[in-house]
Amino acid sequence: MLNIDKDEFIQSLKFNQHGLIPAIVVDAENKEVLTLAYMNKESLAISIEKELTCFWSRSRNELWLKGETSGNYQHIVGITPDCDRDALVVTVKKDGPACHLGNNSCFEGVVYAEDDFSLDELLQLIKGRKEEKKEGSYTTYLFEKGIDKILKKIGEESTEVIIAAKADDKKETIYEIADLTYHVLVLMAEMGISLEEIKAELASRHVIDKKVKQEKMT
């Protein structure tokens, strides 16, 4: 039984502007990360009461009790907030696969060492979210909302980059540039733009710039 004062615990957390908090679900037996989903106050209250993971589906705008249709329930062993109390680690014992594709984990087969990470691989992952509508995926949510939502997010993230840079906060600026880059990649996937096309455009500008410099020197 969870030793949590439900109301006091929920009240102590920091939910985002949409009333949501990210929940990282971890297997209690092998400590494997199973999935990343979101909870609102209602779904978190249900999770504590039932001791089963219940999330808020951003794509369907409704509560989602994991396992209700598949039978793959996740029995909660513990819920731990991070130091800022704006994210949760939910430790569970699961009855079946965590991923809707039948995989043990939603992150199965997608493990990047720092040196192996590439924008190409990230773009391919984003394209996969467009083709296969993954339940609870923020990327899928953006694709479902369409081009206007994607463009709105790019505008918002651009503003966040400006604010962070204006404050001369390098760490925050890096964080916001990463957010902006991700949303630009979502736009590229939506419009069928490849990284090769962007590279070619940048390369052509480099050649033009080099020619201009040469002409000025003669």
Foldseek 3Di string as FASTA:
>chain_A
DEPDPLVVLLVPADEDPVQKAKEFEAEQPPRHTADIAIAHSVQSSVCVVVQWHWHQWLQVRHIRGPCPPPVFIWRFPDWDADPNRRYIYTYTHTPAASFPVRHNGPCPPPDDDPVRDDVQVLLVVLLVCCVPVGTRDPSSSQVSVHDVSLVVQLVVLVVQLVVCVVVVPVVSNVVSVVSNVSSVSSVCSSVVHDVVVVVVVVVVVVVVVVVVVVVVVD
